[in-house]
Amino acid sequence: MSTSTTQVVRPAGAGHETLYVLLLCLVILAVAGTVVLWRGESHEVSSVNSHQLDARRDLSASEQGIYADLRVTLDEIHLLRQEQQTLPTPQVLAEEGFAPFAQDASSVSRGGHAWQLLNAKAYFGQSQAPTVAGSFLMRLTAGDDAPDIWLNRTGTLTAPADLSDTALESTGWQQIVAQFDAGVTRQHRH
């Protein structure tokens, strides 16, 4: 007779392997969290004054388009001013095809502004559809590099006679400011 010997084989210890994998995951998460905290930047929310509007947050899509067009066209206005020794009229700018002065489908869909030159110092664009976009005022001085653009969303509006800050503020105009903070542009220093 032969005696059978039974040998008990224990399964491999999965408990230790699982523990090692979990520890490795915790180490990876701890290192990643440390790197994120170390390299993170604080985001300060900048605010604007009560008489100002943020070009990015406070304007409708149509108003943002007109604002961008005015900023771009400002370079051409400066070049034409140097050639002619005077500010070009809105009619000249429209003939040259510069937005928002040109009367095209885009200008009609953005409020159909009627532009005029005020005292050879500012361009006033009266909105024909104030619910779509308000009326704009772009003041210029001899050495302006940055435009000084104001917005008024009042339905019945006439061209302002006094172009000073206080007069504009008192009649409901709000200055548009462009802020470039971390929410708009990311600065990567390499």
N, C-alpha and C. Protein backbone atom coordinates (compact mmCIF):
# COMPACT_ATOMS: atom_id res chain seq x y z
N MET A 1 0.80 -1.15 0.00
CA MET A 1 0.00 0.00 0.00
C MET A 1 0.86 1.23 0.00
N SER A 2 0.39 2.04 -0.69
CA SER A 2 1.13 3.28 -0.74
C SER A 2 0.41 4.33 0.06
N THR A 3 1.15 5.10 0.71
CA THR A 3 0.56 6.17 1.50
C THR A 3 0.61 7.46 0.68
N SER A 4 -0.48 8.06 0.61
CA SER A 4 -0.50 9.33 -0.13
C SER A 4 -0.25 10.45 0.86
N THR A 5 0.58 11.26 0.40
CA THR A 5 0.88 12.42 1.24
C THR A 5 0.20 13.64 0.62
N THR A 6 -0.45 14.30 1.41
CA THR A 6 -1.13 15.50 0.96
C THR A 6 -0.31 16.69 1.39
N GLN A 7 -0.07 17.51 0.43
CA GLN A 7 0.68 18.72 0.72
C GLN A 7 -0.23 19.91 0.47
N VAL A 8 -0.31 20.78 1.42
CA VAL A 8 -1.16 21.96 1.33
C VAL A 8 -0.31 23.08 0.73
N VAL A 9 -0.80 23.64 -0.38
CA VAL A 9 -0.11 24.76 -1.03
C VAL A 9 -0.94 26.00 -0.76
N ARG A 10 -0.32 26.96 -0.14
CA ARG A 10 -1.01 28.21 0.19
C ARG A 10 -0.98 29.15 -1.02
N PRO A 11 -2.07 29.91 -1.22
CA PRO A 11 -2.06 30.86 -2.34
C PRO A 11 -1.06 31.99 -2.08
N ALA A 12 -0.62 32.58 -3.18
CA ALA A 12 0.33 33.69 -3.07
C ALA A 12 -0.31 34.81 -2.27
N GLY A 13 0.48 35.50 -1.52
CA GLY A 13 -0.01 36.56 -0.65
C GLY A 13 -0.34 37.82 -1.42
N ALA A 14 -1.54 37.97 -1.88
CA ALA A 14 -1.98 39.16 -2.61
C ALA A 14 -2.12 40.36 -1.69
N GLY A 15 -2.27 40.15 -0.43
CA GLY A 15 -2.41 41.25 0.52
C GLY A 15 -1.18 42.13 0.55
N HIS A 16 0.01 41.52 0.50
CA HIS A 16 1.23 42.33 0.52
C HIS A 16 1.41 43.10 -0.78
N GLU A 17 1.08 42.46 -1.92
CA GLU A 17 1.21 43.13 -3.21
C GLU A 17 0.26 44.32 -3.30
N THR A 18 -0.96 44.15 -2.84
CA THR A 18 -1.93 45.23 -2.85
C THR A 18 -1.46 46.38 -1.98
N LEU A 19 -0.90 46.06 -0.83
CA LEU A 19 -0.39 47.09 0.07
C LEU A 19 0.73 47.89 -0.60
N TYR A 20 1.63 47.20 -1.28
CA TYR A 20 2.74 47.89 -1.95
C TYR A 20 2.23 48.79 -3.08
N VAL A 21 1.26 48.34 -3.85
CA VAL A 21 0.69 49.15 -4.93
C VAL A 21 0.00 50.39 -4.36
N LEU A 22 -0.76 50.24 -3.28
CA LEU A 22 -1.42 51.38 -2.65
C LEU A 22 -0.41 52.38 -2.10
N LEU A 23 0.65 51.90 -1.49
CA LEU A 23 1.69 52.80 -0.98
C LEU A 23 2.36 53.57 -2.12
N LEU A 24 2.63 52.87 -3.23
CA LEU A 24 3.23 53.54 -4.39
C LEU A 24 2.29 54.63 -4.93
N CYS A 25 0.99 54.33 -5.00
CA CYS A 25 0.01 55.34 -5.46
C CYS A 25 -0.01 56.55 -4.52
N LEU A 26 0.04 56.31 -3.22
CA LEU A 26 0.05 57.42 -2.26
C LEU A 26 1.30 58.28 -2.41
N VAL A 27 2.43 57.64 -2.63
CA VAL A 27 3.68 58.41 -2.82
C VAL A 27 3.57 59.26 -4.08
N ILE A 28 3.06 58.68 -5.17
CA ILE A 28 2.91 59.44 -6.43
C ILE A 28 1.98 60.62 -6.23
N LEU A 29 0.83 60.42 -5.56
CA LEU A 29 -0.11 61.51 -5.31
C LEU A 29 0.51 62.58 -4.42
N ALA A 30 1.27 62.18 -3.42
CA ALA A 30 1.90 63.16 -2.53
C ALA A 30 2.93 64.00 -3.28
N VAL A 31 3.72 63.38 -4.15
CA VAL A 31 4.71 64.12 -4.93
C VAL A 31 4.00 65.06 -5.90
N ALA A 32 2.96 64.57 -6.58
CA ALA A 32 2.22 65.42 -7.52
C ALA A 32 1.57 66.60 -6.80
N GLY A 33 0.96 66.36 -5.65
CA GLY A 33 0.34 67.45 -4.88
C GLY A 33 1.35 68.48 -4.44
N THR A 34 2.53 68.03 -4.05
CA THR A 34 3.59 68.95 -3.63
C THR A 34 4.04 69.82 -4.80
N VAL A 35 4.19 69.21 -5.97
CA VAL A 35 4.60 69.96 -7.16
C VAL A 35 3.55 70.99 -7.52
N VAL A 36 2.27 70.61 -7.47
CA VAL A 36 1.19 71.55 -7.80
C VAL A 36 1.18 72.71 -6.83
N LEU A 37 1.30 72.44 -5.55
CA LEU A 37 1.31 73.52 -4.55
C LEU A 37 2.54 74.41 -4.70
N TRP A 38 3.67 73.82 -5.00
CA TRP A 38 4.91 74.57 -5.12
C TRP A 38 4.90 75.45 -6.36
N ARG A 39 4.36 74.96 -7.49
CA ARG A 39 4.37 75.70 -8.74
C ARG A 39 3.11 76.53 -8.97
N GLY A 40 2.12 76.39 -8.12
CA GLY A 40 0.85 77.10 -8.31
C GLY A 40 1.01 78.60 -8.17
N GLU A 41 0.16 79.32 -8.89
CA GLU A 41 0.17 80.78 -8.83
C GLU A 41 -1.13 81.25 -8.19
N SER A 42 -1.03 82.30 -7.41
CA SER A 42 -2.25 82.84 -6.83
C SER A 42 -2.96 83.69 -7.88
N HIS A 43 -4.28 83.64 -7.86
CA HIS A 43 -5.08 84.40 -8.81
C HIS A 43 -5.80 85.50 -8.06
N GLU A 44 -5.36 86.72 -8.32
CA GLU A 44 -6.00 87.86 -7.71
C GLU A 44 -7.06 88.39 -8.68
N VAL A 45 -8.25 88.50 -8.21
CA VAL A 45 -9.34 89.02 -9.04
C VAL A 45 -9.29 90.54 -8.97
N SER A 46 -9.10 91.14 -10.12
CA SER A 46 -9.05 92.59 -10.15
C SER A 46 -10.45 93.13 -10.42
N SER A 47 -10.74 94.23 -9.80
CA SER A 47 -12.06 94.83 -9.97
C SER A 47 -11.91 96.18 -10.67
N VAL A 48 -13.01 96.64 -11.19
CA VAL A 48 -13.01 97.93 -11.87
C VAL A 48 -13.85 98.91 -11.05
N ASN A 49 -13.64 100.19 -11.29
CA ASN A 49 -14.41 101.22 -10.59
C ASN A 49 -15.86 101.21 -11.05
N SER A 50 -16.71 101.89 -10.30
CA SER A 50 -18.14 101.88 -10.62
C SER A 50 -18.46 102.55 -11.95
N HIS A 51 -17.60 103.47 -12.41
CA HIS A 51 -17.84 104.14 -13.69
C HIS A 51 -17.15 103.44 -14.86
N GLN A 52 -16.65 102.23 -14.61
CA GLN A 52 -15.93 101.50 -15.65
C GLN A 52 -16.59 100.15 -15.92
N LEU A 53 -16.30 99.63 -17.11
CA LEU A 53 -16.75 98.30 -17.51
C LEU A 53 -15.54 97.49 -17.93
N ASP A 54 -15.52 96.22 -17.56
CA ASP A 54 -14.45 95.32 -18.00
C ASP A 54 -14.78 94.85 -19.41
N ALA A 55 -13.87 95.05 -20.34
CA ALA A 55 -14.12 94.72 -21.73
C ALA A 55 -14.41 93.23 -21.92
N ARG A 56 -13.90 92.41 -21.05
CA ARG A 56 -14.06 90.98 -21.20
C ARG A 56 -15.33 90.45 -20.55
N ARG A 57 -15.69 90.99 -19.40
CA ARG A 57 -16.79 90.44 -18.62
C ARG A 57 -18.11 91.21 -18.75
N ASP A 58 -18.05 92.51 -18.96
CA ASP A 58 -19.23 93.35 -18.86
C ASP A 58 -19.87 93.75 -20.19
N LEU A 59 -19.28 93.39 -21.30
CA LEU A 59 -19.81 93.78 -22.60
C LEU A 59 -20.49 92.60 -23.29
N SER A 60 -21.52 92.91 -24.08
CA SER A 60 -22.16 91.87 -24.88
C SER A 60 -21.22 91.50 -26.03
N ALA A 61 -21.56 90.45 -26.75
CA ALA A 61 -20.72 90.01 -27.87
C ALA A 61 -20.62 91.11 -28.94
N SER A 62 -21.72 91.77 -29.23
CA SER A 62 -21.69 92.86 -30.21
C SER A 62 -20.81 94.01 -29.74
N GLU A 63 -20.94 94.36 -28.47
CA GLU A 63 -20.13 95.45 -27.91
C GLU A 63 -18.65 95.08 -27.90
N GLN A 64 -18.34 93.83 -27.60
CA GLN A 64 -16.94 93.40 -27.62
C GLN A 64 -16.38 93.51 -29.03
N GLY A 65 -17.19 93.17 -30.04
CA GLY A 65 -16.74 93.27 -31.42
C GLY A 65 -16.46 94.70 -31.82
N ILE A 66 -17.35 95.61 -31.46
CA ILE A 66 -17.15 97.02 -31.79
C ILE A 66 -15.93 97.57 -31.06
N TYR A 67 -15.80 97.20 -29.79
CA TYR A 67 -14.64 97.65 -28.99
C TYR A 67 -13.34 97.17 -29.64
N ALA A 68 -13.29 95.91 -30.04
CA ALA A 68 -12.09 95.38 -30.68
C ALA A 68 -11.81 96.09 -32.00
N ASP A 69 -12.86 96.35 -32.78
CA ASP A 69 -12.69 97.07 -34.05
C ASP A 69 -12.14 98.48 -33.82
N LEU A 70 -12.64 99.16 -32.81
CA LEU A 70 -12.15 100.51 -32.51
C LEU A 70 -10.68 100.48 -32.12
N ARG A 71 -10.28 99.51 -31.34
CA ARG A 71 -8.87 99.40 -30.93
C ARG A 71 -7.97 99.14 -32.13
N VAL A 72 -8.42 98.29 -33.05
CA VAL A 72 -7.62 97.97 -34.23
C VAL A 72 -7.57 99.17 -35.18
N THR A 73 -8.69 99.83 -35.38
CA THR A 73 -8.77 100.95 -36.30
C THR A 73 -7.99 102.17 -35.79
N LEU A 74 -7.73 102.21 -34.51
CA LEU A 74 -7.00 103.36 -33.94
C LEU A 74 -5.64 103.56 -34.62
N ASP A 75 -4.94 102.48 -34.94
CA ASP A 75 -3.64 102.62 -35.63
C ASP A 75 -3.81 103.30 -36.99
N GLU A 76 -4.85 102.92 -37.70
CA GLU A 76 -5.10 103.53 -39.01
C GLU A 76 -5.50 105.00 -38.86
N ILE A 77 -6.24 105.30 -37.83
CA ILE A 77 -6.63 106.70 -37.57
C ILE A 77 -5.38 107.54 -37.32
N HIS A 78 -4.44 106.99 -36.54
CA HIS A 78 -3.20 107.73 -36.28
C HIS A 78 -2.40 107.95 -37.57
N LEU A 79 -2.33 106.94 -38.43
CA LEU A 79 -1.61 107.10 -39.69
C LEU A 79 -2.28 108.14 -40.58
N LEU A 80 -3.60 108.09 -40.68
CA LEU A 80 -4.32 109.07 -41.49
C LEU A 80 -4.19 110.48 -40.90
N ARG A 81 -4.17 110.57 -39.57
CA ARG A 81 -4.00 111.88 -38.93
C ARG A 81 -2.64 112.47 -39.27
N GLN A 82 -1.59 111.64 -39.31
CA GLN A 82 -0.26 112.13 -39.65
C GLN A 82 -0.20 112.60 -41.11
N GLU A 83 -0.87 111.89 -42.01
CA GLU A 83 -0.86 112.27 -43.42
C GLU A 83 -1.65 113.55 -43.66
N GLN A 84 -2.84 113.66 -43.04
CA GLN A 84 -3.74 114.77 -43.32
C GLN A 84 -3.63 115.91 -42.31
N GLN A 85 -2.88 115.73 -41.24
CA GLN A 85 -2.73 116.72 -40.17
C GLN A 85 -4.05 117.02 -39.46
N THR A 86 -5.01 116.13 -39.60
CA THR A 86 -6.29 116.25 -38.92
C THR A 86 -6.91 114.87 -38.80
N LEU A 87 -7.84 114.72 -37.87
CA LEU A 87 -8.50 113.43 -37.72
C LEU A 87 -9.38 113.14 -38.94
N PRO A 88 -9.34 111.92 -39.45
CA PRO A 88 -10.22 111.59 -40.58
C PRO A 88 -11.67 111.51 -40.12
N THR A 89 -12.55 111.87 -40.99
CA THR A 89 -13.98 111.82 -40.66
C THR A 89 -14.45 110.36 -40.69
N PRO A 90 -15.56 110.08 -40.03
CA PRO A 90 -16.11 108.71 -40.11
C PRO A 90 -16.44 108.30 -41.54
N GLN A 91 -16.80 109.27 -42.39
CA GLN A 91 -17.10 108.95 -43.79
C GLN A 91 -15.85 108.46 -44.50
N VAL A 92 -14.70 109.11 -44.26
CA VAL A 92 -13.44 108.68 -44.87
C VAL A 92 -13.08 107.28 -44.37
N LEU A 93 -13.23 107.04 -43.08
CA LEU A 93 -12.93 105.72 -42.52
C LEU A 93 -13.86 104.65 -43.09
N ALA A 94 -15.12 105.02 -43.31
CA ALA A 94 -16.08 104.08 -43.89
C ALA A 94 -15.71 103.77 -45.34
N GLU A 95 -15.30 104.78 -46.09
CA GLU A 95 -14.89 104.58 -47.48
C GLU A 95 -13.66 103.68 -47.57
N GLU A 96 -12.78 103.81 -46.60
CA GLU A 96 -11.58 102.97 -46.56
C GLU A 96 -11.92 101.54 -46.11
N GLY A 97 -13.13 101.33 -45.60
CA GLY A 97 -13.57 100.00 -45.20
C GLY A 97 -13.19 99.61 -43.78
N PHE A 98 -12.90 100.59 -42.94
CA PHE A 98 -12.50 100.28 -41.56
C PHE A 98 -13.73 100.06 -40.69
N ALA A 99 -13.73 98.92 -40.02
CA ALA A 99 -14.80 98.62 -39.06
C ALA A 99 -14.51 99.41 -37.79
N PRO A 100 -15.47 99.85 -37.09
CA PRO A 100 -16.90 99.69 -37.23
C PRO A 100 -17.55 100.82 -38.04
N PHE A 101 -16.74 101.64 -38.70
CA PHE A 101 -17.27 102.80 -39.42
C PHE A 101 -17.94 102.41 -40.74
N ALA A 102 -17.45 101.34 -41.37
CA ALA A 102 -18.02 100.90 -42.64
C ALA A 102 -19.42 100.34 -42.40
N GLN A 103 -20.33 100.67 -43.30
CA GLN A 103 -21.70 100.18 -43.19
C GLN A 103 -21.80 98.87 -43.97
N ASP A 104 -21.71 97.76 -43.25
CA ASP A 104 -21.84 96.44 -43.86
C ASP A 104 -22.75 95.58 -42.99
N ALA A 105 -22.86 94.32 -43.33
CA ALA A 105 -23.76 93.42 -42.59
C ALA A 105 -23.34 93.31 -41.13
N SER A 106 -22.05 93.32 -40.88
CA SER A 106 -21.56 93.23 -39.50
C SER A 106 -21.97 94.43 -38.67
N SER A 107 -21.83 95.62 -39.24
CA SER A 107 -22.18 96.82 -38.48
C SER A 107 -23.68 96.89 -38.22
N VAL A 108 -24.49 96.42 -39.16
CA VAL A 108 -25.94 96.42 -38.97
C VAL A 108 -26.32 95.44 -37.86
N SER A 109 -25.71 94.25 -37.86
CA SER A 109 -26.06 93.26 -36.84
C SER A 109 -25.54 93.64 -35.45
N ARG A 110 -24.59 94.56 -35.39
CA ARG A 110 -24.04 95.00 -34.11
C ARG A 110 -24.68 96.28 -33.60
N GLY A 111 -25.76 96.71 -34.16
CA GLY A 111 -26.46 97.88 -33.65
C GLY A 111 -26.61 99.02 -34.62
N GLY A 112 -26.01 98.92 -35.80
CA GLY A 112 -26.17 99.96 -36.83
C GLY A 112 -25.78 101.34 -36.35
N HIS A 113 -24.59 101.49 -35.83
CA HIS A 113 -24.14 102.77 -35.27
C HIS A 113 -23.97 103.84 -36.34
N ALA A 114 -24.42 105.04 -36.01
CA ALA A 114 -24.22 106.21 -36.87
C ALA A 114 -23.07 107.01 -36.26
N TRP A 115 -21.95 107.09 -36.98
CA TRP A 115 -20.73 107.69 -36.44
C TRP A 115 -20.59 109.15 -36.85
N GLN A 116 -20.05 109.95 -35.91
CA GLN A 116 -19.73 111.34 -36.21
C GLN A 116 -18.49 111.76 -35.42
N LEU A 117 -17.80 112.75 -35.95
CA LEU A 117 -16.61 113.28 -35.31
C LEU A 117 -17.02 114.48 -34.46
N LEU A 118 -16.61 114.47 -33.18
CA LEU A 118 -16.98 115.54 -32.26
C LEU A 118 -15.77 116.43 -31.96
N ASN A 119 -15.85 117.70 -32.31
CA ASN A 119 -14.84 118.70 -31.97
C ASN A 119 -13.43 118.28 -32.35
N ALA A 120 -13.27 117.48 -33.38
CA ALA A 120 -11.98 116.97 -33.82
C ALA A 120 -11.21 116.33 -32.66
N LYS A 121 -11.95 115.74 -31.70
CA LYS A 121 -11.34 115.11 -30.53
C LYS A 121 -11.85 113.71 -30.27
N ALA A 122 -13.03 113.37 -30.78
CA ALA A 122 -13.64 112.10 -30.42
C ALA A 122 -14.57 111.61 -31.52
N TYR A 123 -14.74 110.30 -31.56
CA TYR A 123 -15.71 109.67 -32.45
C TYR A 123 -16.88 109.18 -31.61
N PHE A 124 -18.09 109.56 -32.05
CA PHE A 124 -19.30 109.17 -31.34
C PHE A 124 -20.12 108.28 -32.26
N GLY A 125 -20.42 107.07 -31.79
CA GLY A 125 -21.23 106.13 -32.56
C GLY A 125 -22.54 105.90 -31.84
N GLN A 126 -23.61 106.50 -32.37
CA GLN A 126 -24.93 106.36 -31.74
C GLN A 126 -25.58 105.08 -32.24
N SER A 127 -25.96 104.24 -31.30
CA SER A 127 -26.57 102.96 -31.62
C SER A 127 -28.01 103.15 -32.09
N GLN A 128 -28.36 102.42 -33.15
CA GLN A 128 -29.73 102.42 -33.63
C GLN A 128 -30.54 101.31 -32.95
N ALA A 129 -29.82 100.41 -32.24
CA ALA A 129 -30.46 99.30 -31.51
C ALA A 129 -29.77 99.14 -30.16
N PRO A 130 -30.12 99.98 -29.18
CA PRO A 130 -29.44 99.94 -27.89
C PRO A 130 -29.57 98.62 -27.14
N THR A 131 -30.56 97.80 -27.49
CA THR A 131 -30.67 96.49 -26.83
C THR A 131 -29.61 95.53 -27.34
N VAL A 132 -29.09 95.77 -28.54
CA VAL A 132 -28.03 94.93 -29.11
C VAL A 132 -26.67 95.41 -28.64
N ALA A 133 -26.43 96.70 -28.76
CA ALA A 133 -25.16 97.30 -28.35
C ALA A 133 -25.41 98.76 -28.02
N GLY A 134 -24.73 99.24 -27.00
CA GLY A 134 -24.87 100.62 -26.60
C GLY A 134 -24.13 101.56 -27.55
N SER A 135 -24.21 102.85 -27.25
CA SER A 135 -23.51 103.87 -28.04
C SER A 135 -22.08 103.98 -27.55
N PHE A 136 -21.17 104.27 -28.47
CA PHE A 136 -19.74 104.33 -28.15
C PHE A 136 -19.19 105.73 -28.34
N LEU A 137 -18.17 106.05 -27.54
CA LEU A 137 -17.43 107.30 -27.66
C LEU A 137 -15.95 106.96 -27.52
N MET A 138 -15.16 107.33 -28.55
CA MET A 138 -13.72 107.10 -28.49
C MET A 138 -13.03 108.46 -28.52
N ARG A 139 -12.43 108.83 -27.37
CA ARG A 139 -11.72 110.11 -27.27
C ARG A 139 -10.28 109.92 -27.71
N LEU A 140 -9.74 110.94 -28.40
CA LEU A 140 -8.36 110.90 -28.87
C LEU A 140 -7.65 112.18 -28.50
N THR A 141 -6.37 112.05 -28.20
CA THR A 141 -5.51 113.22 -28.02
C THR A 141 -4.31 113.04 -28.94
N ALA A 142 -3.43 114.00 -28.98
CA ALA A 142 -2.33 114.00 -29.93
C ALA A 142 -1.42 112.77 -29.79
N GLY A 143 -1.12 112.35 -28.58
CA GLY A 143 -0.17 111.26 -28.42
C GLY A 143 -0.77 109.96 -27.95
N ASP A 144 -2.05 109.75 -28.20
CA ASP A 144 -2.72 108.54 -27.72
C ASP A 144 -2.19 107.29 -28.40
N ASP A 145 -1.75 106.36 -27.58
CA ASP A 145 -1.44 105.04 -28.11
C ASP A 145 -2.58 104.09 -27.75
N ALA A 146 -3.12 104.27 -26.57
CA ALA A 146 -4.24 103.43 -26.13
C ALA A 146 -5.54 104.22 -26.29
N PRO A 147 -6.57 103.59 -26.78
CA PRO A 147 -7.83 104.30 -26.95
C PRO A 147 -8.53 104.52 -25.62
N ASP A 148 -9.28 105.58 -25.55
CA ASP A 148 -10.11 105.89 -24.38
C ASP A 148 -11.55 105.75 -24.87
N ILE A 149 -12.12 104.58 -24.61
CA ILE A 149 -13.44 104.25 -25.17
C ILE A 149 -14.46 104.18 -24.06
N TRP A 150 -15.62 104.80 -24.32
CA TRP A 150 -16.72 104.86 -23.35
C TRP A 150 -17.96 104.26 -23.98
N LEU A 151 -18.88 103.78 -23.13
CA LEU A 151 -20.12 103.15 -23.57
C LEU A 151 -21.29 103.70 -22.79
N ASN A 152 -22.40 103.92 -23.49
CA ASN A 152 -23.63 104.34 -22.85
C ASN A 152 -24.76 103.51 -23.46
N ARG A 153 -25.52 102.83 -22.61
CA ARG A 153 -26.60 101.94 -23.10
C ARG A 153 -27.97 102.60 -23.04
N THR A 154 -28.01 103.91 -22.83
CA THR A 154 -29.28 104.63 -22.79
C THR A 154 -29.90 104.64 -24.18
N GLY A 155 -31.22 104.45 -24.24
CA GLY A 155 -31.92 104.39 -25.53
C GLY A 155 -31.95 105.72 -26.25
N THR A 156 -32.35 106.78 -25.56
CA THR A 156 -32.40 108.11 -26.17
C THR A 156 -31.17 108.88 -25.73
N LEU A 157 -30.29 109.11 -26.67
CA LEU A 157 -29.00 109.69 -26.34
C LEU A 157 -28.60 110.67 -27.43
N THR A 158 -28.00 111.77 -27.01
CA THR A 158 -27.45 112.72 -27.97
C THR A 158 -25.95 112.77 -27.78
N ALA A 159 -25.27 113.32 -28.76
CA ALA A 159 -23.82 113.43 -28.69
C ALA A 159 -23.43 114.30 -27.50
N PRO A 160 -22.48 113.87 -26.69
CA PRO A 160 -22.08 114.67 -25.54
C PRO A 160 -21.35 115.95 -25.98
N ALA A 161 -21.69 117.05 -25.32
CA ALA A 161 -21.04 118.32 -25.63
C ALA A 161 -19.73 118.46 -24.84
N ASP A 162 -19.75 118.01 -23.59
CA ASP A 162 -18.58 118.08 -22.73
C ASP A 162 -17.95 116.69 -22.69
N LEU A 163 -16.69 116.59 -23.09
CA LEU A 163 -16.02 115.29 -23.18
C LEU A 163 -15.13 115.00 -21.97
N SER A 164 -15.28 115.73 -20.88
CA SER A 164 -14.47 115.46 -19.70
C SER A 164 -14.98 114.21 -18.98
N ASP A 165 -14.12 113.61 -18.19
CA ASP A 165 -14.49 112.39 -17.46
C ASP A 165 -15.71 112.60 -16.58
N THR A 166 -15.69 113.67 -15.81
CA THR A 166 -16.79 113.90 -14.87
C THR A 166 -18.12 114.14 -15.58
N ALA A 167 -18.07 114.87 -16.70
CA ALA A 167 -19.30 115.12 -17.45
C ALA A 167 -19.84 113.83 -18.06
N LEU A 168 -18.95 113.01 -18.58
CA LEU A 168 -19.39 111.74 -19.16
C LEU A 168 -19.98 110.83 -18.09
N GLU A 169 -19.30 110.73 -16.95
CA GLU A 169 -19.80 109.88 -15.86
C GLU A 169 -21.17 110.35 -15.38
N SER A 170 -21.35 111.66 -15.28
CA SER A 170 -22.62 112.18 -14.76
C SER A 170 -23.78 111.97 -15.73
N THR A 171 -23.48 111.75 -17.01
CA THR A 171 -24.56 111.53 -17.98
C THR A 171 -24.72 110.05 -18.33
N GLY A 172 -24.12 109.17 -17.55
CA GLY A 172 -24.35 107.73 -17.72
C GLY A 172 -23.34 106.98 -18.56
N TRP A 173 -22.28 107.64 -18.98
CA TRP A 173 -21.24 106.96 -19.75
C TRP A 173 -20.36 106.15 -18.81
N GLN A 174 -19.89 105.00 -19.30
CA GLN A 174 -18.97 104.17 -18.53
C GLN A 174 -17.75 103.88 -19.39
N GLN A 175 -16.57 104.05 -18.79
CA GLN A 175 -15.32 103.82 -19.50
C GLN A 175 -15.05 102.32 -19.60
N ILE A 176 -14.61 101.88 -20.76
CA ILE A 176 -14.29 100.46 -20.96
C ILE A 176 -12.79 100.28 -20.72
N VAL A 177 -12.47 99.35 -19.85
CA VAL A 177 -11.07 99.06 -19.56
C VAL A 177 -10.78 97.61 -19.91
N ALA A 178 -9.59 97.40 -20.43
CA ALA A 178 -9.14 96.04 -20.77
C ALA A 178 -8.12 95.62 -19.74
N GLN A 179 -8.44 94.56 -19.02
CA GLN A 179 -7.53 94.04 -18.00
C GLN A 179 -6.99 92.71 -18.46
N PHE A 180 -5.70 92.54 -18.35
CA PHE A 180 -5.08 91.29 -18.73
C PHE A 180 -4.47 90.67 -17.48
N ASP A 181 -5.24 89.79 -16.87
CA ASP A 181 -4.75 89.10 -15.68
C ASP A 181 -4.60 87.62 -16.01
N ALA A 182 -4.36 86.83 -15.00
CA ALA A 182 -4.12 85.40 -15.21
C ALA A 182 -5.30 84.69 -15.83
N GLY A 183 -6.49 85.26 -15.70
CA GLY A 183 -7.66 84.64 -16.31
C GLY A 183 -7.67 84.79 -17.81
N VAL A 184 -6.93 85.75 -18.34
CA VAL A 184 -6.92 85.99 -19.77
C VAL A 184 -5.68 85.39 -20.41
N THR A 185 -4.54 85.73 -19.86
CA THR A 185 -3.29 85.25 -20.43
C THR A 185 -2.50 84.52 -19.38
N ARG A 186 -1.92 83.46 -19.77
CA ARG A 186 -1.06 82.69 -18.87
C ARG A 186 0.38 83.04 -19.21
N GLN A 187 1.15 83.33 -18.21
CA GLN A 187 2.56 83.61 -18.42
C GLN A 187 3.36 82.40 -18.00
N HIS A 188 4.07 81.83 -18.95
CA HIS A 188 4.90 80.67 -18.65
C HIS A 188 6.34 81.13 -18.67
N ARG A 189 6.98 81.02 -17.56
CA ARG A 189 8.40 81.39 -17.49
C ARG A 189 9.22 80.11 -17.58
N HIS A 190 10.04 80.05 -18.60
CA HIS A 190 10.84 78.85 -18.80
C HIS A 190 12.28 79.13 -18.45
